[in-house]
Amino acid sequence: MCLSSFLFFLSFNLLLPELPDHLSRLGGGEYKGYIIALFTLTAAISRPYSGKLADTVGRIPVMVFGSLVCFLCGFFYPWAVTVTGFLTLRLLHGFSTGFKPTGTAAYIADIVPMERRGEAMGLLGVTGAMGLAFGPAVGSWIAQTFSLNTMFYCSSAVALLSLLVQGSLTETLPKAQRQRFRPGLLRLKWTEILDRRVLSPAVVTGLCLFPYGAVLTVVPDQSRLLGLDGPTKGLFYIFLTVASLGIRLIAGKVSDVHGRVPVLRWSSVILAVGLALLVWSPSVEWFLTAAVVFGIGAGLNSPALYAWTIDLSHPDYRGQAVATMYIALEIGIGLGALLAGWIFANQPSRLPYVHGLSLVCVLGAVVYLFMVKSSGPMVHPVVSEPAPEPSPEEVV
């Protein structure tokens, strides 16, 4: 499961450092904020559907669909030679993260005991962070050494590997709950869009992930302004992710012992310190120090948020609960990217304002977390129901 997740995150993170310059060459430099915003828009829209399908059709079909979209979009980037075509492809590419991570988190929640949930989410986060770390550096190297189109095709190939790895998995959704896919399952009631049980972790997720969208949008330009170009363009991502990896290995266990909310309080404070350093980064050294501090905060934050969400969810609606948290994640990242692109507007003097707005969001999360009571997992009664008799068609 973790191998599949690593390959999936590696696939679309290969593209990130080169996409802003690629869009500028196409004549759409003023739309840089849309690179992340459009991607997260469709991811957010598709979350309620992926959550419902994960709880009805199965975890694995949802993951397979997400990986398949990633494979196809990576293959077609070389053919998107206009600004409109490129942005349309980014919009479609977002369906991949709208489905794959939802199925992944629900699958892992099914197979991991409650008392080790934070540890498991930390391990999952490590593999995703490794994809984030290696992706930008490897993608830039491929683009510089070979060509941009080669980078796109490599991204597609890695997504295909992620898809193939899933062939070794066994479905965890109980047979009594599984249904065959039909178009009617795509009709959503209002109660199926958001899971009210997990609104607290969703609020914190949105506020803490806003800076991530902003950072992804402006850091390539900020790196170049500080003299980090070519193979060194992805150094910020590497420092951020290595710091995140180092802390994630213990962060999940810490939340299993000391609780999700206390860990989230401290992690949000550390995120705020990292953003404060980004507001004032006069040199490469300070810039990369900010990446390390931000990475430590993110590494502590992510496993606790995942585990807190699953703690509060109902076992029969884990897909919906995870989808709710991911909707908040996509809204946070999308708004961060959109507002960062609008505020920055290719003017270096505005970079501190971008990071300052992100800092305000994280401080809002800190205040909210100190208002929330720390509590353990919700225990929901499990009602055993007899499995329905199969129809003659199902027997056949």
Protein backbone atom coordinates (compact mmCIF):
# COMPACT_ATOMS: atom_id res chain seq x y z
CA MET A 1 0.00 0.00 0.00
CA CYS A 2 2.80 2.39 0.93
CA LEU A 3 4.73 1.50 -2.24
CA SER A 4 1.71 2.32 -4.37
CA SER A 5 1.27 5.60 -2.51
CA PHE A 6 4.93 6.53 -3.01
CA LEU A 7 4.74 5.92 -6.76
CA PHE A 8 1.49 7.88 -7.04
CA PHE A 9 2.87 10.96 -5.27
CA LEU A 10 6.13 10.70 -7.18
CA SER A 11 4.20 10.73 -10.45
CA PHE A 12 2.54 14.11 -10.19
CA ASN A 13 5.27 15.75 -8.10
CA LEU A 14 7.74 15.09 -10.92
CA LEU A 15 6.02 17.90 -12.81
CA LEU A 16 5.76 20.65 -10.20
CA PRO A 17 9.05 22.60 -10.54
CA GLU A 18 8.85 22.80 -14.34
CA LEU A 19 5.17 23.64 -14.82
CA PRO A 20 5.35 27.40 -14.02
CA ASP A 21 8.09 28.00 -16.60
CA HIS A 22 6.32 25.72 -19.09
CA LEU A 23 3.11 27.73 -18.73
CA SER A 24 5.06 30.97 -19.20
CA ARG A 25 6.54 29.62 -22.45
CA LEU A 26 3.02 28.82 -23.62
CA GLY A 27 2.11 32.48 -23.00
CA GLY A 28 0.19 32.05 -19.75
CA GLY A 29 2.62 33.37 -17.14
CA GLU A 30 -0.15 35.35 -15.42
CA TYR A 31 -2.05 32.10 -14.76
CA LYS A 32 0.61 30.43 -12.59
CA GLY A 33 -1.74 30.36 -9.62
CA TYR A 34 -4.11 28.19 -11.66
CA ILE A 35 -1.57 25.35 -11.92
CA ILE A 36 -2.34 24.23 -8.37
CA ALA A 37 -5.77 25.84 -8.00
CA LEU A 38 -7.41 23.99 -10.93
CA PHE A 39 -5.80 20.71 -9.86
CA THR A 40 -7.21 21.05 -6.34
CA LEU A 41 -10.61 22.27 -7.59
CA THR A 42 -11.50 19.00 -9.29
CA ALA A 43 -9.87 17.06 -6.47
CA ALA A 44 -12.19 18.79 -3.99
CA ILE A 45 -15.28 18.36 -6.19
CA SER A 46 -14.61 14.64 -6.64
CA ARG A 47 -14.01 13.89 -2.94
CA PRO A 48 -17.67 13.31 -1.97
CA TYR A 49 -18.02 10.89 -4.88
CA SER A 50 -14.81 9.02 -4.08
CA GLY A 51 -15.85 8.81 -0.43
CA LYS A 52 -19.28 7.39 -1.26
CA LEU A 53 -17.86 4.94 -3.81
CA ALA A 54 -15.19 3.80 -1.35
CA ASP A 55 -17.98 2.96 1.13
CA THR A 56 -20.18 1.21 -1.45
CA VAL A 57 -18.18 -0.15 -4.40
CA GLY A 58 -14.87 -0.67 -2.58
CA ARG A 59 -11.56 0.90 -1.63
CA ILE A 60 -9.53 -0.67 -4.45
CA PRO A 61 -11.70 0.46 -7.42
CA VAL A 62 -11.46 4.04 -6.12
CA MET A 63 -7.66 3.81 -5.90
CA VAL A 64 -7.39 2.22 -9.35
CA PHE A 65 -9.43 5.01 -10.94
CA GLY A 66 -7.22 7.69 -9.36
CA SER A 67 -4.01 6.06 -10.57
CA LEU A 68 -5.47 5.56 -14.05
CA VAL A 69 -6.32 9.28 -14.37
CA CYS A 70 -2.76 10.17 -13.29
CA PHE A 71 -1.34 7.81 -15.94
CA LEU A 72 -3.47 9.24 -18.77
CA CYS A 73 -2.92 12.92 -17.90
CA GLY A 74 0.85 12.52 -17.68
CA PHE A 75 0.81 10.95 -21.14
CA PHE A 76 -1.18 13.83 -22.72
CA TYR A 77 0.77 16.83 -21.32
CA PRO A 78 3.10 16.96 -24.37
CA TRP A 79 0.02 17.35 -26.58
CA ALA A 80 -1.40 20.30 -24.62
CA VAL A 81 0.38 23.09 -26.53
CA THR A 82 -2.00 25.96 -25.73
CA VAL A 83 -2.73 27.72 -22.46
CA THR A 84 -6.34 26.55 -22.57
CA GLY A 85 -5.37 22.96 -23.30
CA PHE A 86 -2.77 22.93 -20.53
CA LEU A 87 -5.14 24.36 -17.91
CA THR A 88 -7.88 21.94 -18.99
CA LEU A 89 -5.49 19.04 -18.48
CA ARG A 90 -4.58 20.36 -15.02
CA LEU A 91 -8.30 20.43 -14.24
CA LEU A 92 -8.69 16.78 -15.28
CA HIS A 93 -5.50 15.73 -13.52
CA GLY A 94 -7.05 16.77 -10.21
CA PHE A 95 -9.44 13.80 -10.33
CA SER A 96 -6.45 11.57 -9.60
CA THR A 97 -5.88 12.99 -6.12
CA GLY A 98 -9.62 13.23 -5.60
CA PHE A 99 -9.81 9.42 -5.70
CA LYS A 100 -6.51 7.65 -4.93
CA PRO A 101 -5.70 9.10 -1.45
CA THR A 102 -9.32 8.72 -0.30
CA GLY A 103 -9.30 5.00 -1.05
CA THR A 104 -5.81 4.64 0.41
CA ALA A 105 -6.64 6.22 3.79
CA ALA A 106 -9.88 4.21 4.12
CA TYR A 107 -8.04 1.00 3.20
CA ILE A 108 -5.34 1.54 5.81
CA ALA A 109 -7.93 2.47 8.45
CA ASP A 110 -9.56 -0.92 7.78
CA ILE A 111 -6.42 -2.99 8.33
CA VAL A 112 -4.68 -1.12 11.19
CA PRO A 113 -5.66 -1.50 14.89
CA MET A 114 -6.93 1.66 16.57
CA GLU A 115 -4.05 1.91 19.05
CA ARG A 116 -1.49 2.08 16.19
CA ARG A 117 -3.50 4.30 13.84
CA GLY A 118 -1.26 7.33 14.22
CA GLU A 119 1.85 5.24 13.63
CA ALA A 120 0.35 3.79 10.44
CA MET A 121 -0.66 7.20 9.13
CA GLY A 122 2.85 8.42 9.89
CA LEU A 123 4.31 5.60 7.79
CA LEU A 124 1.90 6.38 4.96
CA GLY A 125 2.90 10.02 5.23
CA VAL A 126 6.58 9.08 4.98
CA THR A 127 6.03 7.39 1.62
CA GLY A 128 3.97 10.30 0.31
CA ALA A 129 6.61 12.74 1.52
CA MET A 130 9.31 10.70 -0.22
CA GLY A 131 7.37 11.09 -3.45
CA LEU A 132 7.22 14.83 -2.78
CA ALA A 133 10.95 14.94 -2.02
CA PHE A 134 12.27 12.95 -4.95
CA GLY A 135 9.66 14.09 -7.47
CA PRO A 136 10.71 17.74 -8.01
CA ALA A 137 14.45 16.96 -8.00
CA VAL A 138 14.11 13.98 -10.35
CA GLY A 139 11.65 15.83 -12.59
CA SER A 140 13.97 18.83 -12.98
CA TRP A 141 16.93 16.54 -13.68
CA ILE A 142 15.00 14.65 -16.39
CA ALA A 143 13.82 17.89 -17.99
CA GLN A 144 17.34 19.39 -17.96
CA THR A 145 19.13 16.20 -19.09
CA PHE A 146 16.65 14.93 -21.66
CA SER A 147 13.55 17.01 -22.41
CA LEU A 148 10.33 18.31 -20.90
CA ASN A 149 8.29 15.74 -22.83
CA THR A 150 10.47 12.94 -21.44
CA MET A 151 9.61 14.19 -17.95
CA PHE A 152 5.88 14.05 -18.77
CA TYR A 153 6.14 10.49 -20.10
CA CYS A 154 8.16 9.39 -17.05
CA SER A 155 5.41 10.80 -14.82
CA SER A 156 2.87 8.74 -16.74
CA ALA A 157 5.00 5.58 -16.46
CA VAL A 158 5.39 5.95 -12.68
CA ALA A 159 1.61 6.31 -12.32
CA LEU A 160 1.22 3.08 -14.28
CA LEU A 161 3.56 1.33 -11.82
CA SER A 162 1.40 2.58 -8.95
CA LEU A 163 -1.60 1.09 -10.71
CA LEU A 164 0.11 -2.28 -11.20
CA VAL A 165 1.17 -2.52 -7.54
CA GLN A 166 -2.47 -2.31 -6.48
CA GLY A 167 -3.10 -5.60 -8.25
CA SER A 168 -1.59 -7.39 -5.24
CA LEU A 169 -4.11 -5.94 -2.76
CA THR A 170 -7.23 -7.61 -1.34
CA GLU A 171 -10.44 -5.60 -0.93
CA THR A 172 -11.19 -4.68 2.70
CA LEU A 173 -14.75 -3.38 2.38
CA PRO A 174 -17.03 -6.13 3.78
CA LYS A 175 -18.91 -8.08 1.12
CA ALA A 176 -22.23 -7.22 2.75
CA GLN A 177 -21.59 -3.51 2.03
CA ARG A 178 -20.27 -3.87 -1.51
CA GLN A 179 -22.38 -2.91 -4.50
CA ARG A 180 -21.79 -3.03 -8.21
CA PHE A 181 -21.13 0.37 -9.69
CA ARG A 182 -24.13 2.05 -11.26
CA PRO A 183 -24.69 5.69 -12.30
CA GLY A 184 -27.21 6.11 -9.48
CA LEU A 185 -24.36 5.95 -6.96
CA LEU A 186 -23.11 9.27 -8.31
CA ARG A 187 -26.24 11.03 -7.05
CA LEU A 188 -25.38 12.62 -3.73
CA LYS A 189 -27.59 13.71 -0.87
CA TRP A 190 -26.51 16.73 1.15
CA THR A 191 -25.73 14.44 4.08
CA GLU A 192 -23.31 12.45 1.88
CA ILE A 193 -21.12 15.41 0.97
CA LEU A 194 -19.68 16.19 4.40
CA ASP A 195 -19.37 14.07 7.52
CA ARG A 196 -20.27 16.33 10.44
CA ARG A 197 -18.41 14.05 12.88
CA VAL A 198 -15.05 15.17 11.48
CA LEU A 199 -15.61 18.91 10.98
CA SER A 200 -13.01 19.87 13.64
CA PRO A 201 -10.08 18.10 11.93
CA ALA A 202 -11.39 19.40 8.60
CA VAL A 203 -11.20 23.02 9.80
CA VAL A 204 -7.64 22.55 11.04
CA THR A 205 -6.68 20.80 7.80
CA GLY A 206 -7.92 23.68 5.66
CA LEU A 207 -6.11 26.32 7.70
CA CYS A 208 -2.82 24.39 7.91
CA LEU A 209 -2.77 23.36 4.24
CA PHE A 210 -3.41 26.88 2.90
CA PRO A 211 0.34 27.65 3.18
CA TYR A 212 1.21 24.52 1.22
CA GLY A 213 -0.67 25.72 -1.85
CA ALA A 214 0.94 29.15 -1.54
CA VAL A 215 4.43 27.69 -1.14
CA LEU A 216 4.04 25.41 -4.18
CA THR A 217 3.03 28.44 -6.26
CA VAL A 218 5.72 30.97 -5.35
CA VAL A 219 8.73 28.94 -4.14
CA PRO A 220 10.01 28.16 -7.68
CA ASP A 221 10.21 31.91 -8.38
CA GLN A 222 11.59 32.68 -4.91
CA SER A 223 14.26 30.00 -5.40
CA ARG A 224 15.34 31.52 -8.69
CA LEU A 225 15.51 35.02 -7.16
CA LEU A 226 17.89 33.67 -4.50
CA GLY A 227 20.11 32.06 -7.15
CA LEU A 228 18.75 28.49 -6.96
CA ASP A 229 18.15 27.52 -10.56
CA GLY A 230 18.55 24.46 -12.79
CA PRO A 231 19.32 21.32 -10.75
CA THR A 232 19.18 23.31 -7.48
CA LYS A 233 15.68 24.63 -8.14
CA GLY A 234 14.12 21.82 -6.10
CA LEU A 235 16.39 22.24 -3.03
CA PHE A 236 13.62 23.86 -0.98
CA TYR A 237 11.37 20.82 -1.53
CA ILE A 238 14.19 18.43 -0.66
CA PHE A 239 15.04 20.18 2.63
CA LEU A 240 11.35 20.47 3.51
CA THR A 241 10.63 16.83 2.81
CA VAL A 242 13.76 15.37 4.44
CA ALA A 243 12.85 17.26 7.63
CA SER A 244 9.28 16.00 7.32
CA LEU A 245 10.45 12.42 6.80
CA GLY A 246 12.65 12.50 9.85
CA ILE A 247 9.85 13.59 12.16
CA ARG A 248 7.01 11.53 10.64
CA LEU A 249 8.61 8.27 11.78
CA ILE A 250 7.96 9.23 15.39
CA ALA A 251 5.11 11.74 15.03
CA GLY A 252 2.38 9.13 14.58
CA LYS A 253 3.47 7.19 17.66
CA VAL A 254 3.54 10.42 19.68
CA SER A 255 -0.10 11.15 18.81
CA ASP A 256 -1.05 7.55 19.72
CA VAL A 257 0.39 8.13 23.21
CA HIS A 258 -0.28 11.81 23.95
CA GLY A 259 -3.37 12.48 21.84
CA ARG A 260 -4.06 14.09 18.49
CA VAL A 261 -5.01 17.60 19.61
CA PRO A 262 -1.92 18.26 21.83
CA VAL A 263 0.38 17.17 18.98
CA LEU A 264 -1.52 19.35 16.51
CA ARG A 265 -1.17 22.40 18.77
CA TRP A 266 2.61 22.13 18.83
CA SER A 267 2.90 21.23 15.15
CA SER A 268 0.86 24.29 14.15
CA VAL A 269 3.10 26.54 16.23
CA ILE A 270 6.16 25.10 14.46
CA LEU A 271 4.49 25.66 11.07
CA ALA A 272 3.92 29.28 12.05
CA VAL A 273 7.62 29.71 12.92
CA GLY A 274 8.61 28.27 9.52
CA LEU A 275 6.31 30.70 7.72
CA ALA A 276 7.65 33.61 9.77
CA LEU A 277 11.13 32.68 8.53
CA LEU A 278 9.86 32.59 4.95
CA VAL A 279 8.47 36.11 5.30
CA TRP A 280 12.04 37.18 6.11
CA SER A 281 14.47 35.14 3.99
CA PRO A 282 17.36 37.37 2.90
CA SER A 283 19.63 34.50 1.84
CA VAL A 284 19.65 30.89 0.68
CA GLU A 285 20.63 29.74 4.17
CA TRP A 286 17.59 31.34 5.82
CA PHE A 287 15.36 30.16 2.98
CA LEU A 288 16.41 26.54 3.45
CA THR A 289 16.20 26.86 7.26
CA ALA A 290 12.60 27.93 6.81
CA ALA A 291 12.05 24.82 4.67
CA VAL A 292 13.39 22.59 7.47
CA VAL A 293 11.23 24.19 10.18
CA PHE A 294 8.15 24.11 7.95
CA GLY A 295 8.87 20.45 7.14
CA ILE A 296 9.09 19.51 10.83
CA GLY A 297 5.74 21.18 11.49
CA ALA A 298 4.14 19.46 8.50
CA GLY A 299 5.59 16.09 9.52
CA LEU A 300 4.05 16.36 12.99
CA ASN A 301 0.79 17.75 11.65
CA SER A 302 -0.22 15.30 8.92
CA PRO A 303 -0.32 11.90 10.72
CA ALA A 304 -2.21 13.39 13.67
CA LEU A 305 -4.82 14.95 11.37
CA TYR A 306 -5.39 11.68 9.51
CA ALA A 307 -5.63 9.67 12.73
CA TRP A 308 -7.92 12.25 14.39
CA THR A 309 -10.26 12.12 11.40
CA ILE A 310 -10.50 8.32 11.51
CA ASP A 311 -10.88 8.35 15.31
CA LEU A 312 -14.04 10.45 14.98
CA SER A 313 -15.47 8.61 11.97
CA HIS A 314 -18.05 5.83 11.90
CA PRO A 315 -16.63 2.48 10.68
CA ASP A 316 -19.32 2.24 7.98
CA TYR A 317 -18.57 5.73 6.64
CA ARG A 318 -14.80 5.95 6.75
CA GLY A 319 -14.62 6.84 3.08
CA GLN A 320 -16.98 9.78 3.60
CA ALA A 321 -15.04 10.95 6.67
CA VAL A 322 -11.69 10.81 4.87
CA ALA A 323 -13.25 12.56 1.87
CA THR A 324 -14.50 15.38 4.13
CA MET A 325 -10.99 15.93 5.47
CA TYR A 326 -9.59 15.88 1.94
CA ILE A 327 -12.19 18.40 0.74
CA ALA A 328 -10.89 20.80 3.38
CA LEU A 329 -7.33 19.96 2.29
CA GLU A 330 -8.06 20.74 -1.35
CA ILE A 331 -9.91 23.95 -0.49
CA GLY A 332 -6.98 25.06 1.65
CA ILE A 333 -4.35 24.22 -0.97
CA GLY A 334 -6.45 25.61 -3.85
CA LEU A 335 -7.19 28.92 -2.13
CA GLY A 336 -3.56 29.19 -1.06
CA ALA A 337 -2.36 28.71 -4.64
CA LEU A 338 -4.97 31.03 -6.16
CA LEU A 339 -4.45 33.88 -3.70
CA ALA A 340 -0.67 33.45 -3.80
CA GLY A 341 -0.64 33.78 -7.59
CA TRP A 342 -2.93 36.82 -7.42
CA ILE A 343 -0.95 38.58 -4.67
CA PHE A 344 2.47 37.71 -6.11
CA ALA A 345 1.64 38.68 -9.71
CA ASN A 346 5.30 38.05 -10.73
CA GLN A 347 6.48 40.91 -8.48
CA PRO A 348 9.22 39.75 -6.05
CA SER A 349 8.48 42.56 -3.59
CA ARG A 350 5.11 40.94 -2.84
CA LEU A 351 6.51 37.58 -1.67
CA PRO A 352 6.43 38.56 2.05
CA TYR A 353 2.70 39.31 1.75
CA VAL A 354 2.05 35.81 0.37
CA HIS A 355 3.81 34.14 3.29
CA GLY A 356 2.30 36.61 5.75
CA LEU A 357 -1.22 35.59 4.73
CA SER A 358 -0.27 31.93 5.17
CA LEU A 359 1.06 32.74 8.64
CA VAL A 360 -2.27 34.32 9.61
CA CYS A 361 -4.12 31.13 8.55
CA VAL A 362 -1.87 28.88 10.65
CA LEU A 363 -2.21 31.17 13.67
CA GLY A 364 -5.98 30.83 13.23
CA ALA A 365 -5.54 27.06 13.44
CA VAL A 366 -3.51 27.45 16.65
CA VAL A 367 -6.27 29.49 18.26
CA TYR A 368 -8.93 27.00 17.15
CA LEU A 369 -6.97 24.01 18.49
CA PHE A 370 -6.65 25.61 21.92
CA MET A 371 -10.44 26.01 21.92
CA VAL A 372 -11.04 22.33 21.05
CA LYS A 373 -11.13 19.76 23.84
CA SER A 374 -8.66 16.90 23.50
CA SER A 375 -10.55 13.61 23.28
CA GLY A 376 -9.92 9.98 22.44
CA PRO A 377 -11.39 7.95 19.59
CA MET A 378 -15.16 7.75 19.21
CA VAL A 379 -16.50 4.25 19.83
CA HIS A 380 -19.40 3.40 17.55
CA PRO A 381 -21.55 0.33 18.16
CA VAL A 382 -21.20 -2.34 15.51
CA VAL A 383 -24.51 -3.89 14.58
CA SER A 384 -24.24 -7.32 12.98
CA GLU A 385 -26.64 -7.82 10.10
CA PRO A 386 -27.17 -11.02 8.14
CA ALA A 387 -25.72 -10.98 4.67
CA PRO A 388 -28.42 -10.70 1.96
CA GLU A 389 -29.23 -13.77 -0.10
CA PRO A 390 -27.50 -13.60 -3.50
CA SER A 391 -29.60 -13.17 -6.60
CA PRO A 392 -29.53 -15.86 -9.34
CA GLU A 393 -27.42 -13.54 -11.50
CA GLU A 394 -24.86 -13.14 -8.72
CA VAL A 395 -24.69 -16.91 -8.25
CA VAL A 396 -23.97 -17.33 -11.96
